[in-house]
Protein backbone atom coordinates (compact mmCIF):
# COMPACT_ATOMS: atom_id res chain seq x y z
CA UNK A 1 -0.30 -0.07 0.19
CA UNK A 2 1.42 3.30 -0.96
CA UNK A 3 2.36 5.50 1.66
CA UNK A 4 0.10 8.66 2.70
CA UNK A 5 1.18 11.75 0.62
CA UNK A 6 1.97 14.81 2.94
CA UNK A 7 1.52 18.11 2.29
CA UNK A 8 4.89 20.54 2.16
CA UNK A 9 4.52 23.36 4.55
CA UNK A 10 5.53 26.61 3.15
CA UNK A 11 5.87 29.23 5.51
CA UNK A 12 7.99 31.64 3.63
CA UNK A 13 6.51 34.72 1.92
CA UNK A 14 9.40 36.26 0.04
CA UNK A 15 8.89 40.13 -0.30
CA UNK A 16 10.15 40.07 -4.10
CA UNK A 17 9.63 37.57 -6.54
CA UNK A 18 11.56 38.54 -8.99
CA UNK A 19 15.57 38.85 -9.26
CA UNK A 20 18.00 39.90 -12.06
CA UNK A 21 21.19 41.54 -12.78
CA UNK A 22 21.10 45.09 -13.41
CA UNK A 23 24.59 45.45 -15.56
CA UNK A 24 22.87 43.46 -18.60
CA UNK A 25 19.60 42.66 -19.96
CA UNK A 26 18.94 39.12 -19.28
CA UNK A 27 17.67 36.67 -21.51
CA UNK A 28 15.99 34.55 -19.80
CA UNK A 29 14.03 33.54 -16.37
CA UNK A 30 15.20 30.79 -14.27
CA UNK A 31 12.19 29.76 -11.95
CA UNK A 32 12.78 28.91 -8.59
CA UNK A 33 9.76 26.83 -6.96
CA UNK A 34 8.49 28.38 -3.67
CA UNK A 35 9.99 24.64 -1.87
CA UNK A 36 13.21 25.41 -3.61
CA UNK A 37 13.19 28.79 -1.59
CA UNK A 38 11.83 28.00 1.66
CA UNK A 39 14.41 25.02 1.52
CA UNK A 40 17.70 27.57 0.78
CA UNK A 41 15.78 30.18 3.74
CA UNK A 42 15.69 27.25 6.24
CA UNK A 43 19.41 26.11 5.66
CA UNK A 44 20.94 29.21 4.60
CA UNK A 45 19.16 31.75 6.20
CA UNK A 46 18.88 29.97 9.72
CA UNK A 47 21.44 27.39 9.19
CA UNK A 48 19.55 24.43 9.88
CA UNK A 49 20.56 20.63 9.32
CA UNK A 50 18.75 18.75 6.64
CA UNK A 51 17.11 16.71 8.82
CA UNK A 52 15.87 19.42 10.78
CA UNK A 53 14.75 21.52 7.63
CA UNK A 54 12.95 18.32 6.38
CA UNK A 55 11.31 17.77 9.41
CA UNK A 56 10.25 21.66 9.21
CA UNK A 57 8.73 21.50 5.74
CA UNK A 58 7.21 18.03 6.24
CA UNK A 59 9.43 16.15 3.63
CA UNK A 60 11.56 13.04 3.96
CA UNK A 61 15.44 14.08 4.28
CA UNK A 62 15.89 12.44 0.90
CA UNK A 63 13.10 14.66 -0.55
CA UNK A 64 14.67 17.82 1.07
CA UNK A 65 17.86 16.76 -0.30
CA UNK A 66 16.48 16.56 -3.83
CA UNK A 67 14.91 20.04 -3.12
CA UNK A 68 18.09 22.01 -2.13
CA UNK A 69 20.19 20.49 -4.57
CA UNK A 70 17.90 21.93 -7.41
CA UNK A 71 17.45 25.04 -5.84
CA UNK A 72 21.38 25.94 -5.38
CA UNK A 73 21.96 24.52 -9.19
CA UNK A 74 19.36 27.28 -10.00
CA UNK A 75 20.48 30.04 -8.47
CA UNK A 76 24.13 29.39 -9.69
CA UNK A 77 22.61 28.98 -12.89
CA UNK A 78 21.51 32.20 -12.67
CA UNK A 79 24.34 34.28 -11.13
CA UNK A 80 26.93 32.69 -13.45
CA UNK A 81 24.78 33.06 -16.85
CA UNK A 82 22.93 36.59 -16.04
CA UNK A 83 19.72 35.07 -15.67
CA UNK A 84 16.41 36.77 -13.68
CA UNK A 85 15.17 34.53 -11.14
CA UNK A 86 11.72 34.24 -10.83
CA UNK A 87 10.17 32.79 -7.44
CA UNK A 88 7.33 30.43 -8.91
CA UNK A 89 3.70 31.67 -7.16
CA UNK A 90 2.21 28.23 -7.32
CA UNK A 91 3.47 25.97 -4.92
CA UNK A 92 3.62 21.89 -5.62
CA UNK A 93 2.97 22.50 -9.58
CA UNK A 94 5.25 20.80 -11.90
CA UNK A 95 5.06 20.30 -15.50
CA UNK A 96 7.22 16.97 -16.64
CA UNK A 97 8.04 15.86 -19.93
CA UNK A 98 8.57 12.21 -21.12
CA UNK A 99 9.31 11.13 -24.51
CA UNK A 100 7.08 7.90 -25.83
CA UNK A 101 7.40 5.91 -28.50
CA UNK A 102 2.80 5.95 -28.60
CA UNK A 103 0.20 8.59 -28.40
CA UNK A 104 -2.18 6.95 -26.57
CA UNK A 105 -0.45 5.31 -23.60
CA UNK A 106 3.11 6.06 -22.11
CA UNK A 107 5.72 4.18 -23.49
CA UNK A 108 9.18 5.30 -22.00
CA UNK A 109 11.55 6.01 -24.73
CA UNK A 110 14.65 7.74 -25.57
CA UNK A 111 15.09 11.77 -26.51
CA UNK A 112 14.05 10.71 -30.34
CA UNK A 113 10.86 9.34 -29.51
CA UNK A 114 7.97 10.32 -32.05
CA UNK A 115 6.02 11.90 -28.88
CA UNK A 116 6.43 13.72 -26.23
CA UNK A 117 4.31 13.79 -23.18
CA UNK A 118 3.70 16.95 -20.99
CA UNK A 119 2.42 15.90 -17.49
CA UNK A 120 1.02 18.60 -15.03
CA UNK A 121 1.29 17.77 -11.41
CA UNK A 122 -0.47 19.94 -9.15
CA UNK A 123 -0.80 19.57 -5.06
CA UNK A 124 1.16 16.27 -5.60
CA UNK A 125 -1.78 14.82 -7.59
CA UNK A 126 -1.52 14.38 -11.65
CA UNK A 127 -4.02 16.89 -12.66
CA UNK A 128 -3.26 16.93 -16.61
CA UNK A 129 -1.63 15.10 -19.48
CA UNK A 130 -1.11 16.17 -23.54
CA UNK A 131 0.70 14.74 -25.90
CA UNK A 132 2.75 16.54 -28.71
CA UNK A 133 4.48 15.26 -31.81
CA UNK A 134 8.47 15.00 -31.07
CA UNK A 135 10.05 17.34 -33.75
CA UNK A 136 13.01 15.58 -33.01
CA UNK A 137 11.81 12.21 -34.38
CA UNK A 138 13.55 11.23 -37.57
CA UNK A 139 15.30 14.43 -37.89
CA UNK A 140 18.76 13.97 -38.68
CA UNK A 141 19.39 17.48 -39.63
CA UNK A 142 19.40 18.98 -36.23
CA UNK A 143 20.91 18.36 -33.41
CA UNK A 144 18.25 17.07 -30.31
CA UNK A 145 20.30 19.71 -27.66
CA UNK A 146 19.68 22.61 -30.00
CA UNK A 147 15.63 21.71 -30.51
CA UNK A 148 14.32 20.26 -27.42
CA UNK A 149 15.20 22.38 -24.90
CA UNK A 150 13.70 25.20 -26.68
CA UNK A 151 10.30 22.78 -27.11
CA UNK A 152 10.05 22.41 -23.32
CA UNK A 153 10.86 25.68 -22.60
CA UNK A 154 7.63 26.78 -24.63
CA UNK A 155 5.50 24.65 -22.43
CA UNK A 156 6.93 25.59 -19.35
CA UNK A 157 8.35 22.44 -18.45
CA UNK A 158 10.51 21.93 -15.06
CA UNK A 159 11.67 18.62 -15.26
CA UNK A 160 13.01 16.20 -18.44
CA UNK A 161 12.34 12.19 -17.60
CA UNK A 162 15.21 10.15 -19.47
CA UNK A 163 17.31 6.90 -19.04
CA UNK A 164 20.17 7.99 -20.05
CA UNK A 165 21.07 11.85 -21.35
CA UNK A 166 24.36 12.76 -23.35
CA UNK A 167 26.28 15.95 -21.95
CA UNK A 168 25.21 18.66 -24.75
CA UNK A 169 21.26 18.01 -24.19
CA UNK A 170 22.02 17.91 -20.47
CA UNK A 171 23.48 21.41 -20.41
CA UNK A 172 21.14 22.75 -22.83
CA UNK A 173 18.21 21.85 -20.67
CA UNK A 174 19.50 23.00 -17.42
CA UNK A 175 20.65 26.18 -19.05
CA UNK A 176 16.74 26.45 -19.84
CA UNK A 177 15.56 26.00 -16.41
CA UNK A 178 14.67 22.44 -17.00
CA UNK A 179 16.26 19.35 -15.15
CA UNK A 180 17.13 16.04 -16.29
CA UNK A 181 16.04 13.36 -14.18
CA UNK A 182 17.38 10.07 -15.01
CA UNK A 183 15.24 6.96 -14.62
CA UNK A 184 15.19 3.69 -15.49
CA UNK A 185 11.72 3.22 -15.56
CA UNK A 186 8.70 5.25 -15.50
CA UNK A 187 5.28 4.57 -14.84
CA UNK A 188 2.36 7.18 -15.10
CA UNK A 189 0.51 6.05 -11.77
CA UNK A 190 3.55 6.51 -9.79
CA UNK A 191 5.06 9.41 -11.15
CA UNK A 192 3.61 11.57 -8.56
CA UNK A 193 5.69 9.49 -6.25
CA UNK A 194 9.11 10.93 -7.48
CA UNK A 195 8.41 14.36 -6.07
CA UNK A 196 7.23 13.37 -2.31
């Protein structure tokens, strides 16, 4: 029997939700999830240990470690590449992209598969899913790292699930604020559990 999903406790109310460089015009936004800002606040402002911060947020220590790692990576990317940081206003909402060989059911595949499923998880529930044609399917003229991140960014995807990823695609996705998650196997019914 699956464990009951706990609601994350997010108490921080940031004064500002948009940050960016003043000396250059930023080309893009990096979206920092509300829970990522909360994790940074607990660990770096209050100098809490991960275990204590995880309890305060009502998540497991492993989940907290994933949240803080993602937050720090996003902030680092924004600072180094001159991007804006936008704090996501809706808590517990994620868009996940998964490549599939089939349109009518999720058939987990590589980045050049025929379809891309865009799955919305909100408040730890799978709320919607759509399927689009993958422009990289049988496309030998363009590099996946140049095309796929743009498409996923347009669909406001936060995470890209894949079995294996090459360096160029990984860097291109991260530059767009999309974080690759390597998973050997994915089932639609258990997708939400990954974010618990």
